[in-house]
Amino acid sequence: MAKDLNEKEFDTFVASAEKPVLVDFWAPWCGPCRLQAPVLEAFARGHDDVAVAKVNVDEAPSIASRFGIAGIPTLMVFSGGRPVARGMGLHDEEELAALVDQARSKECAGRSGR
């Protein structure tokens, strides 16, 4: 299940995670965000190797501002507390997996010095 993060929890959660963190930036009034929610939950149930979280941009505007969230839904993958991949708009489960894979590729490339 996706964890709802607020401004107090966000930094600690993404920095302390031992696996990639997929974060859905959303708002309750956003139609595409409401469509994304069940897809995100299904992805979370099927991927124990990824921490999944949600940030309501109306309740956590400073987080949205810090990461330049201009449209929602925006999905970001964090590793070691840093954003490493980003996607905007509605994503299906395959696209979410591809976003996480993209983040892992960047992370591996960074460790190998490329």
PDB file of N, CA and C in Angstrom:
ATOM      1  N   MET A   1       0.839  -1.180   0.000  1.00  0.00           N
ATOM      2  CA  MET A   1       0.000   0.000   0.000  1.00  0.00           C
ATOM      3  C   MET A   1       0.887   1.246   0.000  1.00  0.00           C
ATOM      4  N   ALA A   2       0.459   2.253  -0.733  1.00  0.00           N
ATOM      5  CA  ALA A   2       1.212   3.495  -0.799  1.00  0.00           C
ATOM      6  C   ALA A   2       1.093   4.241   0.531  1.00  0.00           C
ATOM      7  N   LYS A   3       2.210   4.790   0.980  1.00  0.00           N
ATOM      8  CA  LYS A   3       2.241   5.551   2.231  1.00  0.00           C
ATOM      9  C   LYS A   3       1.988   7.016   1.928  1.00  0.00           C
ATOM     10  N   ASP A   4       1.043   7.615   2.656  1.00  0.00           N
ATOM     11  CA  ASP A   4       0.801   9.050   2.530  1.00  0.00           C
ATOM     12  C   ASP A   4       1.866   9.788   3.331  1.00  0.00           C
ATOM     13  N   LEU A   5       2.595  10.683   2.650  1.00  0.00           N
ATOM     14  CA  LEU A   5       3.657  11.441   3.314  1.00  0.00           C
ATOM     15  C   LEU A   5       3.261  12.899   3.461  1.00  0.00           C
ATOM     16  N   ASN A   6       3.606  13.468   4.616  1.00  0.00           N
ATOM     17  CA  ASN A   6       3.404  14.891   4.822  1.00  0.00           C
ATOM     18  C   ASN A   6       4.771  15.586   4.828  1.00  0.00           C
ATOM     19  N   GLU A   7       4.761  16.886   5.041  1.00  0.00           N
ATOM     20  CA  GLU A   7       6.007  17.647   4.979  1.00  0.00           C
ATOM     21  C   GLU A   7       7.011  17.225   6.047  1.00  0.00           C
ATOM     22  N   LYS A   8       6.539  16.762   7.189  1.00  0.00           N
ATOM     23  CA  LYS A   8       7.439  16.347   8.274  1.00  0.00           C
ATOM     24  C   LYS A   8       8.089  14.997   7.988  1.00  0.00           C
ATOM     25  N   GLU A   9       7.380  14.105   7.324  1.00  0.00           N
ATOM     26  CA  GLU A   9       7.860  12.732   7.107  1.00  0.00           C
ATOM     27  C   GLU A   9       8.661  12.551   5.822  1.00  0.00           C
ATOM     28  N   PHE A  10       8.434  13.399   4.845  1.00  0.00           N
ATOM     29  CA  PHE A  10       8.939  13.169   3.493  1.00  0.00           C
ATOM     30  C   PHE A  10      10.448  12.910   3.451  1.00  0.00           C
ATOM     31  N   ASP A  11      11.242  13.852   3.934  1.00  0.00           N
ATOM     32  CA  ASP A  11      12.703  13.736   3.808  1.00  0.00           C
ATOM     33  C   ASP A  11      13.243  12.487   4.492  1.00  0.00           C
ATOM     34  N   THR A  12      12.753  12.206   5.673  1.00  0.00           N
ATOM     35  CA  THR A  12      13.216  11.021   6.400  1.00  0.00           C
ATOM     36  C   THR A  12      12.847   9.744   5.653  1.00  0.00           C
ATOM     37  N   PHE A  13      11.623   9.687   5.153  1.00  0.00           N
ATOM     38  CA  PHE A  13      11.167   8.481   4.462  1.00  0.00           C
ATOM     39  C   PHE A  13      12.001   8.209   3.211  1.00  0.00           C
ATOM     40  N   VAL A  14      12.180   9.217   2.346  1.00  0.00           N
ATOM     41  CA  VAL A  14      12.902   8.959   1.096  1.00  0.00           C
ATOM     42  C   VAL A  14      14.401   8.767   1.328  1.00  0.00           C
ATOM     43  N   ALA A  15      14.951   9.417   2.354  1.00  0.00           N
ATOM     44  CA  ALA A  15      16.394   9.289   2.614  1.00  0.00           C
ATOM     45  C   ALA A  15      16.745   7.973   3.291  1.00  0.00           C
ATOM     46  N   SER A  16      15.831   7.445   4.099  1.00  0.00           N
ATOM     47  CA  SER A  16      16.159   6.246   4.873  1.00  0.00           C
ATOM     48  C   SER A  16      15.740   4.945   4.186  1.00  0.00           C
ATOM     49  N   ALA A  17      15.034   5.036   3.084  1.00  0.00           N
ATOM     50  CA  ALA A  17      14.571   3.824   2.398  1.00  0.00           C
ATOM     51  C   ALA A  17      15.758   3.047   1.831  1.00  0.00           C
ATOM     52  N   GLU A  18      15.722   1.748   1.999  1.00  0.00           N
ATOM     53  CA  GLU A  18      16.791   0.890   1.493  1.00  0.00           C
ATOM     54  C   GLU A  18      16.517   0.414   0.075  1.00  0.00           C
ATOM     55  N   LYS A  19      15.425   0.880  -0.501  1.00  0.00           N
ATOM     56  CA  LYS A  19      15.067   0.536  -1.874  1.00  0.00           C
ATOM     57  C   LYS A  19      14.554   1.803  -2.552  1.00  0.00           C
ATOM     58  N   PRO A  20      14.410   1.780  -3.864  1.00  0.00           N
ATOM     59  CA  PRO A  20      13.897   2.967  -4.542  1.00  0.00           C
ATOM     60  C   PRO A  20      12.520   3.347  -3.992  1.00  0.00           C
ATOM     61  N   VAL A  21      12.241   4.653  -3.994  1.00  0.00           N
ATOM     62  CA  VAL A  21      10.955   5.155  -3.525  1.00  0.00           C
ATOM     63  C   VAL A  21      10.249   5.818  -4.699  1.00  0.00           C
ATOM     64  N   LEU A  22       9.097   5.291  -5.064  1.00  0.00           N
ATOM     65  CA  LEU A  22       8.253   5.870  -6.103  1.00  0.00           C
ATOM     66  C   LEU A  22       7.230   6.765  -5.416  1.00  0.00           C
ATOM     67  N   VAL A  23       7.260   8.062  -5.741  1.00  0.00           N
ATOM     68  CA  VAL A  23       6.366   9.024  -5.104  1.00  0.00           C
ATOM     69  C   VAL A  23       5.395   9.586  -6.134  1.00  0.00           C
ATOM     70  N   ASP A  24       4.120   9.525  -5.799  1.00  0.00           N
ATOM     71  CA  ASP A  24       3.050  10.095  -6.619  1.00  0.00           C
ATOM     72  C   ASP A  24       2.670  11.442  -6.018  1.00  0.00           C
ATOM     73  N   PHE A  25       2.920  12.531  -6.756  1.00  0.00           N
ATOM     74  CA  PHE A  25       2.489  13.857  -6.349  1.00  0.00           C
ATOM     75  C   PHE A  25       1.099  14.059  -6.944  1.00  0.00           C
ATOM     76  N   TRP A  26       0.096  14.320  -6.116  1.00  0.00           N
ATOM     77  CA  TRP A  26      -1.292  14.296  -6.538  1.00  0.00           C
ATOM     78  C   TRP A  26      -2.112  15.313  -5.753  1.00  0.00           C
ATOM     79  N   ALA A  27      -3.386  15.445  -6.110  1.00  0.00           N
ATOM     80  CA  ALA A  27      -4.364  16.242  -5.358  1.00  0.00           C
ATOM     81  C   ALA A  27      -5.730  15.590  -5.531  1.00  0.00           C
ATOM     82  N   PRO A  28      -6.580  15.693  -4.512  1.00  0.00           N
ATOM     83  CA  PRO A  28      -7.875  15.014  -4.575  1.00  0.00           C
ATOM     84  C   PRO A  28      -8.815  15.559  -5.661  1.00  0.00           C
ATOM     85  N   TRP A  29      -8.662  16.780  -6.095  1.00  0.00           N
ATOM     86  CA  TRP A  29      -9.520  17.375  -7.120  1.00  0.00           C
ATOM     87  C   TRP A  29      -9.089  17.015  -8.540  1.00  0.00           C
ATOM     88  N   CYS A  30      -7.953  16.354  -8.686  1.00  0.00           N
ATOM     89  CA  CYS A  30      -7.359  16.038  -9.992  1.00  0.00           C
ATOM     90  C   CYS A  30      -7.921  14.704 -10.514  1.00  0.00           C
ATOM     91  N   GLY A  31      -8.660  14.759 -11.627  1.00  0.00           N
ATOM     92  CA  GLY A  31      -9.243  13.552 -12.207  1.00  0.00           C
ATOM     93  C   GLY A  31      -8.224  12.490 -12.571  1.00  0.00           C
ATOM     94  N   PRO A  32      -7.168  12.842 -13.325  1.00  0.00           N
ATOM     95  CA  PRO A  32      -6.148  11.832 -13.640  1.00  0.00           C
ATOM     96  C   PRO A  32      -5.476  11.256 -12.392  1.00  0.00           C
ATOM     97  N   CYS A  33      -5.354  12.071 -11.347  1.00  0.00           N
ATOM     98  CA  CYS A  33      -4.766  11.571 -10.092  1.00  0.00           C
ATOM     99  C   CYS A  33      -5.645  10.488  -9.472  1.00  0.00           C
ATOM    100  N   ARG A  34      -6.952  10.695  -9.537  1.00  0.00           N
ATOM    101  CA  ARG A  34      -7.879   9.688  -8.999  1.00  0.00           C
ATOM    102  C   ARG A  34      -7.814   8.395  -9.807  1.00  0.00           C
ATOM    103  N   LEU A  35      -7.569   8.515 -11.105  1.00  0.00           N
ATOM    104  CA  LEU A  35      -7.404   7.321 -11.935  1.00  0.00           C
ATOM    105  C   LEU A  35      -6.070   6.631 -11.654  1.00  0.00           C
ATOM    106  N   GLN A  36      -5.036   7.407 -11.294  1.00  0.00           N
ATOM    107  CA  GLN A  36      -3.711   6.858 -11.016  1.00  0.00           C
ATOM    108  C   GLN A  36      -3.701   6.056  -9.719  1.00  0.00           C
ATOM    109  N   ALA A  37      -4.515   6.463  -8.752  1.00  0.00           N
ATOM    110  CA  ALA A  37      -4.475   5.860  -7.413  1.00  0.00           C
ATOM    111  C   ALA A  37      -4.610   4.338  -7.407  1.00  0.00           C
ATOM    112  N   PRO A  38      -5.612   3.734  -8.063  1.00  0.00           N
ATOM    113  CA  PRO A  38      -5.704   2.264  -8.010  1.00  0.00           C
ATOM    114  C   PRO A  38      -4.553   1.573  -8.755  1.00  0.00           C
ATOM    115  N   VAL A  39      -4.038   2.212  -9.783  1.00  0.00           N
ATOM    116  CA  VAL A  39      -2.887   1.647 -10.508  1.00  0.00           C
ATOM    117  C   VAL A  39      -1.663   1.651  -9.596  1.00  0.00           C
ATOM    118  N   LEU A  40      -1.472   2.748  -8.874  1.00  0.00           N
ATOM    119  CA  LEU A  40      -0.347   2.861  -7.945  1.00  0.00           C
ATOM    120  C   LEU A  40      -0.455   1.811  -6.843  1.00  0.00           C
ATOM    121  N   GLU A  41      -1.669   1.614  -6.318  1.00  0.00           N
ATOM    122  CA  GLU A  41      -1.866   0.606  -5.266  1.00  0.00           C
ATOM    123  C   GLU A  41      -1.580  -0.802  -5.790  1.00  0.00           C
ATOM    124  N   ALA A  42      -2.020  -1.097  -6.981  1.00  0.00           N
ATOM    125  CA  ALA A  42      -1.748  -2.414  -7.573  1.00  0.00           C
ATOM    126  C   ALA A  42      -0.249  -2.597  -7.786  1.00  0.00           C
ATOM    127  N   PHE A  43       0.418  -1.554  -8.245  1.00  0.00           N
ATOM    128  CA  PHE A  43       1.872  -1.612  -8.429  1.00  0.00           C
ATOM    129  C   PHE A  43       2.552  -1.874  -7.080  1.00  0.00           C
ATOM    130  N   ALA A  44       2.135  -1.171  -6.048  1.00  0.00           N
ATOM    131  CA  ALA A  44       2.739  -1.345  -4.718  1.00  0.00           C
ATOM    132  C   ALA A  44       2.574  -2.778  -4.219  1.00  0.00           C
ATOM    133  N   ARG A  45       1.397  -3.363  -4.430  1.00  0.00           N
ATOM    134  CA  ARG A  45       1.158  -4.748  -3.987  1.00  0.00           C
ATOM    135  C   ARG A  45       2.046  -5.736  -4.727  1.00  0.00           C
ATOM    136  N   GLY A  46       2.356  -5.454  -5.978  1.00  0.00           N
ATOM    137  CA  GLY A  46       3.122  -6.392  -6.784  1.00  0.00           C
ATOM    138  C   GLY A  46       4.621  -6.161  -6.824  1.00  0.00           C
ATOM    139  N   HIS A  47       5.099  -5.117  -6.128  1.00  0.00           N
ATOM    140  CA  HIS A  47       6.520  -4.782  -6.194  1.00  0.00           C
ATOM    141  C   HIS A  47       7.072  -4.497  -4.798  1.00  0.00           C
ATOM    142  N   ASP A  48       7.460  -5.567  -4.104  1.00  0.00           N
ATOM    143  CA  ASP A  48       8.029  -5.418  -2.763  1.00  0.00           C
ATOM    144  C   ASP A  48       9.403  -4.758  -2.786  1.00  0.00           C
ATOM    145  N   ASP A  49      10.010  -4.689  -3.960  1.00  0.00           N
ATOM    146  CA  ASP A  49      11.353  -4.119  -4.082  1.00  0.00           C
ATOM    147  C   ASP A  49      11.339  -2.604  -4.268  1.00  0.00           C
ATOM    148  N   VAL A  50      10.153  -1.998  -4.167  1.00  0.00           N
ATOM    149  CA  VAL A  50       9.997  -0.551  -4.321  1.00  0.00           C
ATOM    150  C   VAL A  50       9.106  -0.041  -3.197  1.00  0.00           C
ATOM    151  N   ALA A  51       9.521   1.048  -2.534  1.00  0.00           N
ATOM    152  CA  ALA A  51       8.651   1.715  -1.572  1.00  0.00           C
ATOM    153  C   ALA A  51       7.778   2.688  -2.363  1.00  0.00           C
ATOM    154  N   VAL A  52       6.496   2.692  -2.096  1.00  0.00           N
ATOM    155  CA  VAL A  52       5.565   3.546  -2.835  1.00  0.00           C
ATOM    156  C   VAL A  52       4.917   4.520  -1.861  1.00  0.00           C
ATOM    157  N   ALA A  53       4.912   5.792  -2.257  1.00  0.00           N
ATOM    158  CA  ALA A  53       4.370   6.839  -1.390  1.00  0.00           C
ATOM    159  C   ALA A  53       3.588   7.851  -2.214  1.00  0.00           C
ATOM    160  N   LYS A  54       2.784   8.643  -1.512  1.00  0.00           N
ATOM    161  CA  LYS A  54       1.977   9.678  -2.151  1.00  0.00           C
ATOM    162  C   LYS A  54       2.155  10.984  -1.379  1.00  0.00           C
ATOM    163  N   VAL A  55       2.184  12.097  -2.124  1.00  0.00           N
ATOM    164  CA  VAL A  55       2.236  13.416  -1.506  1.00  0.00           C
ATOM    165  C   VAL A  55       1.104  14.254  -2.086  1.00  0.00           C
ATOM    166  N   ASN A  56       0.196  14.686  -1.222  1.00  0.00           N
ATOM    167  CA  ASN A  56      -0.885  15.577  -1.630  1.00  0.00           C
ATOM    168  C   ASN A  56      -0.280  16.979  -1.744  1.00  0.00           C
ATOM    169  N   VAL A  57      -0.210  17.511  -2.967  1.00  0.00           N
ATOM    170  CA  VAL A  57       0.461  18.789  -3.199  1.00  0.00           C
ATOM    171  C   VAL A  57      -0.267  19.954  -2.539  1.00  0.00           C
ATOM    172  N   ASP A  58      -1.560  19.807  -2.271  1.00  0.00           N
ATOM    173  CA  ASP A  58      -2.301  20.861  -1.571  1.00  0.00           C
ATOM    174  C   ASP A  58      -1.928  20.915  -0.092  1.00  0.00           C
ATOM    175  N   GLU A  59      -1.595  19.759   0.474  1.00  0.00           N
ATOM    176  CA  GLU A  59      -1.238  19.689   1.890  1.00  0.00           C
ATOM    177  C   GLU A  59       0.262  19.821   2.129  1.00  0.00           C
ATOM    178  N   ALA A  60       1.055  19.656   1.089  1.00  0.00           N
ATOM    179  CA  ALA A  60       2.516  19.741   1.211  1.00  0.00           C
ATOM    180  C   ALA A  60       3.087  20.596   0.074  1.00  0.00           C
ATOM    181  N   PRO A  61       2.685  21.868   0.004  1.00  0.00           N
ATOM    182  CA  PRO A  61       3.123  22.705  -1.119  1.00  0.00           C
ATOM    183  C   PRO A  61       4.626  22.952  -1.163  1.00  0.00           C
ATOM    184  N   SER A  62       5.287  22.940  -0.020  1.00  0.00           N
ATOM    185  CA  SER A  62       6.737  23.199  -0.042  1.00  0.00           C
ATOM    186  C   SER A  62       7.496  22.045  -0.701  1.00  0.00           C
ATOM    187  N   ILE A  63       7.009  20.822  -0.534  1.00  0.00           N
ATOM    188  CA  ILE A  63       7.655  19.676  -1.194  1.00  0.00           C
ATOM    189  C   ILE A  63       7.435  19.772  -2.699  1.00  0.00           C
ATOM    190  N   ALA A  64       6.205  20.068  -3.098  1.00  0.00           N
ATOM    191  CA  ALA A  64       5.904  20.209  -4.519  1.00  0.00           C
ATOM    192  C   ALA A  64       6.764  21.308  -5.138  1.00  0.00           C
ATOM    193  N   SER A  65       6.915  22.408  -4.453  1.00  0.00           N
ATOM    194  CA  SER A  65       7.722  23.525  -4.953  1.00  0.00           C
ATOM    195  C   SER A  65       9.198  23.142  -5.056  1.00  0.00           C
ATOM    196  N   ARG A  66       9.696  22.460  -4.047  1.00  0.00           N
ATOM    197  CA  ARG A  66      11.115  22.066  -4.030  1.00  0.00           C
ATOM    198  C   ARG A  66      11.481  21.208  -5.233  1.00  0.00           C
ATOM    199  N   PHE A  67      10.550  20.362  -5.682  1.00  0.00           N
ATOM    200  CA  PHE A  67      10.834  19.466  -6.795  1.00  0.00           C
ATOM    201  C   PHE A  67      10.232  19.950  -8.115  1.00  0.00           C
ATOM    202  N   GLY A  68       9.770  21.189  -8.134  1.00  0.00           N
ATOM    203  CA  GLY A  68       9.292  21.789  -9.371  1.00  0.00           C
ATOM    204  C   GLY A  68       8.069  21.109  -9.950  1.00  0.00           C
ATOM    205  N   ILE A  69       7.170  20.672  -9.091  1.00  0.00           N
ATOM    206  CA  ILE A  69       5.963  20.007  -9.560  1.00  0.00           C
ATOM    207  C   ILE A  69       5.022  21.067 -10.137  1.00  0.00           C
ATOM    208  N   ALA A  70       4.865  21.050 -11.449  1.00  0.00           N
ATOM    209  CA  ALA A  70       4.027  22.043 -12.127  1.00  0.00           C
ATOM    210  C   ALA A  70       2.706  21.454 -12.600  1.00  0.00           C
ATOM    211  N   GLY A  71       2.653  20.152 -12.771  1.00  0.00           N
ATOM    212  CA  GLY A  71       1.448  19.459 -13.205  1.00  0.00           C
ATOM    213  C   GLY A  71       1.330  18.149 -12.459  1.00  0.00           C
ATOM    214  N   ILE A  72       0.111  17.699 -12.284  1.00  0.00           N
ATOM    215  CA  ILE A  72      -0.107  16.431 -11.579  1.00  0.00           C
ATOM    216  C   ILE A  72      -1.050  15.559 -12.392  1.00  0.00           C
ATOM    217  N   PRO A  73      -0.926  14.256 -12.260  1.00  0.00           N
ATOM    218  CA  PRO A  73       0.032  13.575 -11.403  1.00  0.00           C
ATOM    219  C   PRO A  73       1.462  13.640 -11.956  1.00  0.00           C
ATOM    220  N   THR A  74       2.397  13.800 -11.045  1.00  0.00           N
ATOM    221  CA  THR A  74       3.821  13.663 -11.364  1.00  0.00           C
ATOM    222  C   THR A  74       4.339  12.530 -10.501  1.00  0.00           C
ATOM    223  N   LEU A  75       5.082  11.636 -11.109  1.00  0.00           N
ATOM    224  CA  LEU A  75       5.654  10.495 -10.401  1.00  0.00           C
ATOM    225  C   LEU A  75       7.161  10.644 -10.424  1.00  0.00           C
ATOM    226  N   MET A  76       7.777  10.504  -9.262  1.00  0.00           N
ATOM    227  CA  MET A  76       9.234  10.609  -9.159  1.00  0.00           C
ATOM    228  C   MET A  76       9.767   9.394  -8.414  1.00  0.00           C
ATOM    229  N   VAL A  77      10.951   8.949  -8.841  1.00  0.00           N
ATOM    230  CA  VAL A  77      11.633   7.863  -8.145  1.00  0.00           C
ATOM    231  C   VAL A  77      12.846   8.472  -7.447  1.00  0.00           C
ATOM    232  N   PHE A  78      12.971   8.171  -6.154  1.00  0.00           N
ATOM    233  CA  PHE A  78      14.073   8.657  -5.331  1.00  0.00           C
ATOM    234  C   PHE A  78      14.968   7.493  -4.948  1.00  0.00           C
ATOM    235  N   SER A  79      16.252   7.764  -4.887  1.00  0.00           N
ATOM    236  CA  SER A  79      17.222   6.785  -4.408  1.00  0.00           C
ATOM    237  C   SER A  79      18.227   7.543  -3.542  1.00  0.00           C
ATOM    238  N   GLY A  80      18.430   7.063  -2.326  1.00  0.00           N
ATOM    239  CA  GLY A  80      19.334   7.758  -1.425  1.00  0.00           C
ATOM    240  C   GLY A  80      18.866   9.171  -1.110  1.00  0.00           C
ATOM    241  N   GLY A  81      17.570   9.398  -1.162  1.00  0.00           N
ATOM    242  CA  GLY A  81      17.015  10.702  -0.855  1.00  0.00           C
ATOM    243  C   GLY A  81      17.008  11.684  -2.013  1.00  0.00           C
ATOM    244  N   ARG A  82      17.553  11.277  -3.155  1.00  0.00           N
ATOM    245  CA  ARG A  82      17.636  12.171  -4.315  1.00  0.00           C
ATOM    246  C   ARG A  82      16.720  11.693  -5.429  1.00  0.00           C
ATOM    247  N   PRO A  83      16.116  12.638  -6.169  1.00  0.00           N
ATOM    248  CA  PRO A  83      15.295  12.232  -7.312  1.00  0.00           C
ATOM    249  C   PRO A  83      16.180  11.725  -8.445  1.00  0.00           C
ATOM    250  N   VAL A  84      15.824  10.572  -9.011  1.00  0.00           N
ATOM    251  CA  VAL A  84      16.622   9.996 -10.098  1.00  0.00           C
ATOM    252  C   VAL A  84      15.809   9.715 -11.361  1.00  0.00           C
ATOM    253  N   ALA A  85      14.487   9.811 -11.277  1.00  0.00           N
ATOM    254  CA  ALA A  85      13.641   9.636 -12.467  1.00  0.00           C
ATOM    255  C   ALA A  85      12.318  10.339 -12.223  1.00  0.00           C
ATOM    256  N   ARG A  86      11.703  10.769 -13.335  1.00  0.00           N
ATOM    257  CA  ARG A  86      10.470  11.551 -13.221  1.00  0.00           C
ATOM    258  C   ARG A  86       9.563  11.278 -14.412  1.00  0.00           C
ATOM    259  N   GLY A  87       8.272  11.214 -14.157  1.00  0.00           N
ATOM    260  CA  GLY A  87       7.285  11.067 -15.219  1.00  0.00           C
ATOM    261  C   GLY A  87       6.063  11.900 -14.885  1.00  0.00           C
ATOM    262  N   MET A  88       5.432  12.434 -15.910  1.00  0.00           N
ATOM    263  CA  MET A  88       4.219  13.227 -15.701  1.00  0.00           C
ATOM    264  C   MET A  88       3.035  12.563 -16.383  1.00  0.00           C
ATOM    265  N   GLY A  89       1.865  12.735 -15.801  1.00  0.00           N
ATOM    266  CA  GLY A  89       0.658  12.185 -16.386  1.00  0.00           C
ATOM    267  C   GLY A  89       0.347  10.797 -15.868  1.00  0.00           C
ATOM    268  N   LEU A  90      -0.748  10.277 -16.365  1.00  0.00           N
ATOM    269  CA  LEU A  90      -1.237   8.964 -15.957  1.00  0.00           C
ATOM    270  C   LEU A  90      -0.316   7.860 -16.481  1.00  0.00           C
ATOM    271  N   HIS A  91       0.082   6.925 -15.601  1.00  0.00           N
ATOM    272  CA  HIS A  91       0.967   5.811 -15.947  1.00  0.00           C
ATOM    273  C   HIS A  91       0.284   4.494 -15.614  1.00  0.00           C
ATOM    274  N   ASP A  92       0.437   3.495 -16.505  1.00  0.00           N
ATOM    275  CA  ASP A  92      -0.038   2.158 -16.159  1.00  0.00           C
ATOM    276  C   ASP A  92       1.083   1.440 -15.400  1.00  0.00           C
ATOM    277  N   GLU A  93       0.815   0.211 -14.956  1.00  0.00           N
ATOM    278  CA  GLU A  93       1.804  -0.509 -14.141  1.00  0.00           C
ATOM    279  C   GLU A  93       3.113  -0.740 -14.887  1.00  0.00           C
ATOM    280  N   GLU A  94       3.031  -1.051 -16.178  1.00  0.00           N
ATOM    281  CA  GLU A  94       4.255  -1.260 -16.967  1.00  0.00           C
ATOM    282  C   GLU A  94       5.084   0.008 -17.035  1.00  0.00           C
ATOM    283  N   GLU A  95       4.413   1.143 -17.203  1.00  0.00           N
ATOM    284  CA  GLU A  95       5.130   2.417 -17.267  1.00  0.00           C
ATOM    285  C   GLU A  95       5.751   2.776 -15.919  1.00  0.00           C
ATOM    286  N   LEU A  96       5.075   2.435 -14.823  1.00  0.00           N
ATOM    287  CA  LEU A  96       5.651   2.652 -13.497  1.00  0.00           C
ATOM    288  C   LEU A  96       6.900   1.798 -13.319  1.00  0.00           C
ATOM    289  N   ALA A  97       6.826   0.543 -13.747  1.00  0.00           N
ATOM    290  CA  ALA A  97       7.994  -0.346 -13.661  1.00  0.00           C
ATOM    291  C   ALA A  97       9.141   0.188 -14.510  1.00  0.00           C
ATOM    292  N   ALA A  98       8.827   0.713 -15.688  1.00  0.00           N
ATOM    293  CA  ALA A  98       9.863   1.274 -16.558  1.00  0.00           C
ATOM    294  C   ALA A  98      10.508   2.503 -15.918  1.00  0.00           C
ATOM    295  N   LEU A  99       9.725   3.310 -15.224  1.00  0.00           N
ATOM    296  CA  LEU A  99      10.259   4.485 -14.538  1.00  0.00           C
ATOM    297  C   LEU A  99      11.221   4.065 -13.429  1.00  0.00           C
ATOM    298  N   VAL A 100      10.855   3.042 -12.677  1.00  0.00           N
ATOM    299  CA  VAL A 100      11.731   2.527 -11.619  1.00  0.00           C
ATOM    300  C   VAL A 100      12.997   1.928 -12.238  1.00  0.00           C
ATOM    301  N   ASP A 101      12.848   1.179 -13.338  1.00  0.00           N
ATOM    302  CA  ASP A 101      14.018   0.607 -14.016  1.00  0.00           C
ATOM    303  C   ASP A 101      14.946   1.701 -14.519  1.00  0.00           C
ATOM    304  N   GLN A 102      14.366   2.780 -15.047  1.00  0.00           N
ATOM    305  CA  GLN A 102      15.157   3.926 -15.507  1.00  0.00           C
ATOM    306  C   GLN A 102      15.967   4.502 -14.344  1.00  0.00           C
ATOM    307  N   ALA A 103      15.346   4.626 -13.191  1.00  0.00           N
ATOM    308  CA  ALA A 103      16.030   5.141 -12.006  1.00  0.00           C
ATOM    309  C   ALA A 103      17.162   4.217 -11.591  1.00  0.00           C
ATOM    310  N   ARG A 104      16.908   2.918 -11.621  1.00  0.00           N
ATOM    311  CA  ARG A 104      17.956   1.960 -11.251  1.00  0.00           C
ATOM    312  C   ARG A 104      19.127   2.031 -12.230  1.00  0.00           C
ATOM    313  N   SER A 105      18.849   2.201 -13.507  1.00  0.00           N
ATOM    314  CA  SER A 105      19.910   2.323 -14.513  1.00  0.00           C
ATOM    315  C   SER A 105      20.771   3.546 -14.260  1.00  0.00           C
ATOM    316  N   LYS A 106      20.126   4.668 -13.937  1.00  0.00           N
ATOM    317  CA  LYS A 106      20.871   5.897 -13.640  1.00  0.00           C
ATOM    318  C   LYS A 106      21.722   5.720 -12.398  1.00  0.00           C
ATOM    319  N   GLU A 107      21.150   5.057 -11.386  1.00  0.00           N
ATOM    320  CA  GLU A 107      21.861   4.830 -10.147  1.00  0.00           C
ATOM    321  C   GLU A 107      23.101   3.960 -10.386  1.00  0.00           C
ATOM    322  N   CYS A 108      22.950   2.887 -11.179  1.00  0.00           N
ATOM    323  CA  CYS A 108      24.079   2.007 -11.480  1.00  0.00           C
ATOM    324  C   CYS A 108      25.138   2.744 -12.316  1.00  0.00           C
ATOM    325  N   ALA A 109      24.705   3.553 -13.258  1.00  0.00           N
ATOM    326  CA  ALA A 109      25.644   4.313 -14.086  1.00  0.00           C
ATOM    327  C   ALA A 109      26.435   5.290 -13.222  1.00  0.00           C
ATOM    328  N   GLY A 110      25.775   5.885 -12.241  1.00  0.00           N
ATOM    329  CA  GLY A 110      26.458   6.825 -11.356  1.00  0.00           C
ATOM    330  C   GLY A 110      27.492   6.150 -10.489  1.00  0.00           C
ATOM    331  N   ARG A 111      27.215   4.936 -10.047  1.00  0.00           N
ATOM    332  CA  ARG A 111      28.170   4.197  -9.216  1.00  0.00           C
ATOM    333  C   ARG A 111      29.355   3.707 -10.004  1.00  0.00           C
ATOM    334  N   SER A 112      29.156   3.446 -11.305  1.00  0.00           N
ATOM    335  CA  SER A 112      30.260   2.902 -12.104  1.00  0.00           C
ATOM    336  C   SER A 112      31.124   4.012 -12.684  1.00  0.00           C
ATOM    337  N   GLY A 113      30.740   5.275 -12.423  1.00  0.00           N
ATOM    338  CA  GLY A 113      31.571   6.381 -12.873  1.00  0.00           C
ATOM    339  C   GLY A 113      31.280   6.836 -14.299  1.00  0.00           C
ATOM    340  N   ARG A 114      30.200   6.325 -14.897  1.00  0.00           N
ATOM    341  CA  ARG A 114      29.848   6.747 -16.257  1.00  0.00           C
ATOM    342  C   ARG A 114      29.139   8.058 -16.254  1.00  0.00           C
TER     343      ARG A 114
END
